[in-house]
């Protein structure tokens, strides 16, 4: 039983993934509040946009750690979501603030459905990843 850089990377990935799960739960709840007209789009976008860059940076950070540790399978599992994040941020609407949600267009039915589907898919991915990172950490510690 040895504690190495791969085990450290999996521990950081577990902690980071827990934060990402909370971010995606907040995202799903916020989009649902928009859908049911509990909050106005300006306030909701002002609360969602500051969480976008921390989510993307945190996800990329622990994946870089996993790549440096040589956990290539785990890195390649996460690579499609990383590329999606890069593309989503690159093609974001032109705004004066950082973020991807524009209050003027988020209330469109197709945009709202896309955002809600994105939130649920990310939540499922992060939950599955959490248990995979837990398994990977235990496997690396035992090996």
C-alpha atoms as a PDB file:
ATOM      1  CA  UNK A   1       0.000   0.000   0.000  1.00  0.00           C
ATOM      2  CA  UNK A   2       1.745   3.146  -1.222  1.00  0.00           C
ATOM      3  CA  UNK A   3       0.642   6.730  -1.416  1.00  0.00           C
ATOM      4  CA  UNK A   4       1.858   8.115  -4.728  1.00  0.00           C
ATOM      5  CA  UNK A   5       1.059  10.975  -7.081  1.00  0.00           C
ATOM      6  CA  UNK A   6      -1.724   9.005  -8.762  1.00  0.00           C
ATOM      7  CA  UNK A   7      -3.486   8.509  -5.411  1.00  0.00           C
ATOM      8  CA  UNK A   8      -3.064  12.204  -4.646  1.00  0.00           C
ATOM      9  CA  UNK A   9      -4.529  13.056  -8.046  1.00  0.00           C
ATOM     10  CA  UNK A  10      -7.538  10.838  -7.427  1.00  0.00           C
ATOM     11  CA  UNK A  11      -8.095  12.431  -4.003  1.00  0.00           C
ATOM     12  CA  UNK A  12      -8.007  15.902  -5.554  1.00  0.00           C
ATOM     13  CA  UNK A  13     -10.339  14.653  -8.311  1.00  0.00           C
ATOM     14  CA  UNK A  14     -12.784  13.327  -5.691  1.00  0.00           C
ATOM     15  CA  UNK A  15     -12.854  16.627  -3.827  1.00  0.00           C
ATOM     16  CA  UNK A  16     -13.101  18.645  -7.032  1.00  0.00           C
ATOM     17  CA  UNK A  17     -15.812  16.393  -8.399  1.00  0.00           C
ATOM     18  CA  UNK A  18     -17.863  16.900  -5.227  1.00  0.00           C
ATOM     19  CA  UNK A  19     -17.749  20.645  -5.901  1.00  0.00           C
ATOM     20  CA  UNK A  20     -18.698  20.057  -9.530  1.00  0.00           C
ATOM     21  CA  UNK A  21     -21.692  17.994  -8.418  1.00  0.00           C
ATOM     22  CA  UNK A  22     -22.869  20.905  -6.282  1.00  0.00           C
ATOM     23  CA  UNK A  23     -22.320  23.316  -9.190  1.00  0.00           C
ATOM     24  CA  UNK A  24     -24.382  21.157 -11.521  1.00  0.00           C
ATOM     25  CA  UNK A  25     -27.171  20.739  -8.943  1.00  0.00           C
ATOM     26  CA  UNK A  26     -27.278  24.521  -8.571  1.00  0.00           C
ATOM     27  CA  UNK A  27     -27.341  24.817 -12.365  1.00  0.00           C
ATOM     28  CA  UNK A  28     -30.302  22.435 -12.691  1.00  0.00           C
ATOM     29  CA  UNK A  29     -32.241  24.197  -9.925  1.00  0.00           C
ATOM     30  CA  UNK A  30     -31.532  27.638 -11.428  1.00  0.00           C
ATOM     31  CA  UNK A  31     -32.687  26.605 -14.889  1.00  0.00           C
ATOM     32  CA  UNK A  32     -35.810  25.029 -13.389  1.00  0.00           C
ATOM     33  CA  UNK A  33     -36.549  28.299 -11.574  1.00  0.00           C
ATOM     34  CA  UNK A  34     -36.259  30.101 -14.895  1.00  0.00           C
ATOM     35  CA  UNK A  35     -38.556  27.599 -16.541  1.00  0.00           C
ATOM     36  CA  UNK A  36     -41.247  28.058 -13.886  1.00  0.00           C
ATOM     37  CA  UNK A  37     -40.822  31.872 -13.758  1.00  0.00           C
ATOM     38  CA  UNK A  38     -39.750  32.026 -10.106  1.00  0.00           C
ATOM     39  CA  UNK A  39     -36.820  34.310 -10.913  1.00  0.00           C
ATOM     40  CA  UNK A  40     -36.129  36.748 -13.667  1.00  0.00           C
ATOM     41  CA  UNK A  41     -33.439  35.921 -16.238  1.00  0.00           C
ATOM     42  CA  UNK A  42     -31.130  38.806 -15.324  1.00  0.00           C
ATOM     43  CA  UNK A  43     -30.795  37.754 -11.679  1.00  0.00           C
ATOM     44  CA  UNK A  44     -30.460  34.106 -12.594  1.00  0.00           C
ATOM     45  CA  UNK A  45     -27.770  34.729 -15.207  1.00  0.00           C
ATOM     46  CA  UNK A  46     -25.933  36.967 -12.738  1.00  0.00           C
ATOM     47  CA  UNK A  47     -25.864  34.067 -10.277  1.00  0.00           C
ATOM     48  CA  UNK A  48     -24.962  31.387 -12.863  1.00  0.00           C
ATOM     49  CA  UNK A  49     -22.274  33.168 -14.888  1.00  0.00           C
ATOM     50  CA  UNK A  50     -19.704  33.573 -12.059  1.00  0.00           C
ATOM     51  CA  UNK A  51     -19.710  29.787 -11.568  1.00  0.00           C
ATOM     52  CA  UNK A  52     -18.845  28.921 -15.166  1.00  0.00           C
ATOM     53  CA  UNK A  53     -15.104  29.628 -15.176  1.00  0.00           C
ATOM     54  CA  UNK A  54     -14.469  28.020 -11.750  1.00  0.00           C
ATOM     55  CA  UNK A  55     -16.290  24.895 -12.942  1.00  0.00           C
ATOM     56  CA  UNK A  56     -14.273  24.688 -16.149  1.00  0.00           C
ATOM     57  CA  UNK A  57     -10.945  25.473 -14.462  1.00  0.00           C
ATOM     58  CA  UNK A  58     -11.522  22.980 -11.646  1.00  0.00           C
ATOM     59  CA  UNK A  59     -12.452  20.230 -14.085  1.00  0.00           C
ATOM     60  CA  UNK A  60      -9.412  20.911 -16.238  1.00  0.00           C
ATOM     61  CA  UNK A  61      -7.099  21.194 -13.212  1.00  0.00           C
ATOM     62  CA  UNK A  62      -7.694  17.750 -11.785  1.00  0.00           C
ATOM     63  CA  UNK A  63      -7.667  16.214 -15.251  1.00  0.00           C
ATOM     64  CA  UNK A  64      -4.234  17.711 -15.868  1.00  0.00           C
ATOM     65  CA  UNK A  65      -3.161  16.171 -12.546  1.00  0.00           C
ATOM     66  CA  UNK A  66      -4.526  12.800 -13.637  1.00  0.00           C
ATOM     67  CA  UNK A  67      -2.698  13.099 -16.973  1.00  0.00           C
ATOM     68  CA  UNK A  68       0.562  13.977 -15.192  1.00  0.00           C
ATOM     69  CA  UNK A  69       0.073  10.943 -12.947  1.00  0.00           C
ATOM     70  CA  UNK A  70      -0.232   8.711 -16.002  1.00  0.00           C
ATOM     71  CA  UNK A  71      -3.899   7.871 -15.532  1.00  0.00           C
ATOM     72  CA  UNK A  72      -4.582   8.084 -19.239  1.00  0.00           C
ATOM     73  CA  UNK A  73      -7.842   6.142 -19.292  1.00  0.00           C
ATOM     74  CA  UNK A  74      -9.379   8.518 -16.755  1.00  0.00           C
ATOM     75  CA  UNK A  75      -8.085  11.507 -18.685  1.00  0.00           C
ATOM     76  CA  UNK A  76      -9.538  10.233 -21.974  1.00  0.00           C
ATOM     77  CA  UNK A  77     -12.901   9.586 -20.318  1.00  0.00           C
ATOM     78  CA  UNK A  78     -12.997  13.262 -19.308  1.00  0.00           C
ATOM     79  CA  UNK A  79     -11.578  14.631 -22.550  1.00  0.00           C
ATOM     80  CA  UNK A  80     -14.934  14.946 -24.400  1.00  0.00           C
ATOM     81  CA  UNK A  81     -16.378  17.080 -21.591  1.00  0.00           C
ATOM     82  CA  UNK A  82     -13.254  19.233 -21.501  1.00  0.00           C
ATOM     83  CA  UNK A  83     -13.497  19.799 -25.257  1.00  0.00           C
ATOM     84  CA  UNK A  84     -17.211  20.570 -24.878  1.00  0.00           C
ATOM     85  CA  UNK A  85     -16.429  23.147 -22.180  1.00  0.00           C
ATOM     86  CA  UNK A  86     -13.816  24.792 -24.387  1.00  0.00           C
ATOM     87  CA  UNK A  87     -16.165  24.883 -27.362  1.00  0.00           C
ATOM     88  CA  UNK A  88     -19.097  26.136 -25.263  1.00  0.00           C
ATOM     89  CA  UNK A  89     -17.023  28.979 -23.851  1.00  0.00           C
ATOM     90  CA  UNK A  90     -15.463  29.798 -27.222  1.00  0.00           C
ATOM     91  CA  UNK A  91     -18.878  30.107 -28.903  1.00  0.00           C
ATOM     92  CA  UNK A  92     -20.569  31.977 -26.062  1.00  0.00           C
ATOM     93  CA  UNK A  93     -22.705  35.027 -26.827  1.00  0.00           C
ATOM     94  CA  UNK A  94     -21.008  38.404 -26.832  1.00  0.00           C
ATOM     95  CA  UNK A  95     -21.506  39.918 -23.377  1.00  0.00           C
ATOM     96  CA  UNK A  96     -19.774  42.450 -21.180  1.00  0.00           C
ATOM     97  CA  UNK A  97     -19.287  39.911 -18.358  1.00  0.00           C
ATOM     98  CA  UNK A  98     -17.660  36.496 -18.174  1.00  0.00           C
ATOM     99  CA  UNK A  99     -19.949  33.518 -18.527  1.00  0.00           C
ATOM    100  CA  UNK A 100     -22.047  31.724 -21.112  1.00  0.00           C
ATOM    101  CA  UNK A 101     -25.604  32.682 -20.204  1.00  0.00           C
ATOM    102  CA  UNK A 102     -27.145  35.710 -21.871  1.00  0.00           C
ATOM    103  CA  UNK A 103     -30.274  37.025 -20.100  1.00  0.00           C
ATOM    104  CA  UNK A 104     -31.827  38.168 -23.365  1.00  0.00           C
ATOM    105  CA  UNK A 105     -31.711  34.765 -25.045  1.00  0.00           C
ATOM    106  CA  UNK A 106     -31.924  32.256 -22.213  1.00  0.00           C
ATOM    107  CA  UNK A 107     -35.716  32.438 -22.045  1.00  0.00           C
ATOM    108  CA  UNK A 108     -36.064  31.032 -25.568  1.00  0.00           C
ATOM    109  CA  UNK A 109     -37.672  27.604 -25.275  1.00  0.00           C
ATOM    110  CA  UNK A 110     -34.948  25.798 -27.209  1.00  0.00           C
ATOM    111  CA  UNK A 111     -32.154  27.538 -25.288  1.00  0.00           C
ATOM    112  CA  UNK A 112     -33.803  26.804 -21.937  1.00  0.00           C
ATOM    113  CA  UNK A 113     -34.287  23.143 -22.860  1.00  0.00           C
ATOM    114  CA  UNK A 114     -30.665  22.906 -24.006  1.00  0.00           C
ATOM    115  CA  UNK A 115     -29.404  24.435 -20.758  1.00  0.00           C
ATOM    116  CA  UNK A 116     -31.555  22.113 -18.657  1.00  0.00           C
ATOM    117  CA  UNK A 117     -30.444  19.036 -20.601  1.00  0.00           C
ATOM    118  CA  UNK A 118     -26.827  20.152 -20.290  1.00  0.00           C
ATOM    119  CA  UNK A 119     -27.205  20.472 -16.525  1.00  0.00           C
ATOM    120  CA  UNK A 120     -28.721  17.015 -16.116  1.00  0.00           C
ATOM    121  CA  UNK A 121     -26.107  15.375 -18.336  1.00  0.00           C
ATOM    122  CA  UNK A 122     -23.272  17.060 -16.444  1.00  0.00           C
ATOM    123  CA  UNK A 123     -24.812  16.002 -13.129  1.00  0.00           C
ATOM    124  CA  UNK A 124     -25.001  12.376 -14.292  1.00  0.00           C
ATOM    125  CA  UNK A 125     -21.442  12.508 -15.646  1.00  0.00           C
ATOM    126  CA  UNK A 126     -20.047  14.001 -12.438  1.00  0.00           C
ATOM    127  CA  UNK A 127     -21.880  11.452 -10.272  1.00  0.00           C
ATOM    128  CA  UNK A 128     -20.573   8.528 -12.314  1.00  0.00           C
ATOM    129  CA  UNK A 129     -17.101  10.103 -12.309  1.00  0.00           C
ATOM    130  CA  UNK A 130     -17.190  10.475  -8.527  1.00  0.00           C
ATOM    131  CA  UNK A 131     -17.624   6.752  -8.033  1.00  0.00           C
ATOM    132  CA  UNK A 132     -15.053   5.986 -10.708  1.00  0.00           C
ATOM    133  CA  UNK A 133     -12.506   8.275  -8.998  1.00  0.00           C
ATOM    134  CA  UNK A 134     -13.271   6.580  -5.684  1.00  0.00           C
ATOM    135  CA  UNK A 135     -12.653   3.189  -7.289  1.00  0.00           C
ATOM    136  CA  UNK A 136      -9.486   4.470  -8.986  1.00  0.00           C
ATOM    137  CA  UNK A 137      -8.145   5.898  -5.723  1.00  0.00           C
ATOM    138  CA  UNK A 138      -8.733   2.640  -3.867  1.00  0.00           C
ATOM    139  CA  UNK A 139      -7.210   0.618  -6.716  1.00  0.00           C
ATOM    140  CA  UNK A 140      -4.109   2.811  -6.857  1.00  0.00           C
ATOM    141  CA  UNK A 141      -3.671   2.717  -3.082  1.00  0.00           C
ATOM    142  CA  UNK A 142      -3.939  -1.069  -2.952  1.00  0.00           C
ATOM    143  CA  UNK A 143      -1.736  -1.743  -5.991  1.00  0.00           C
END
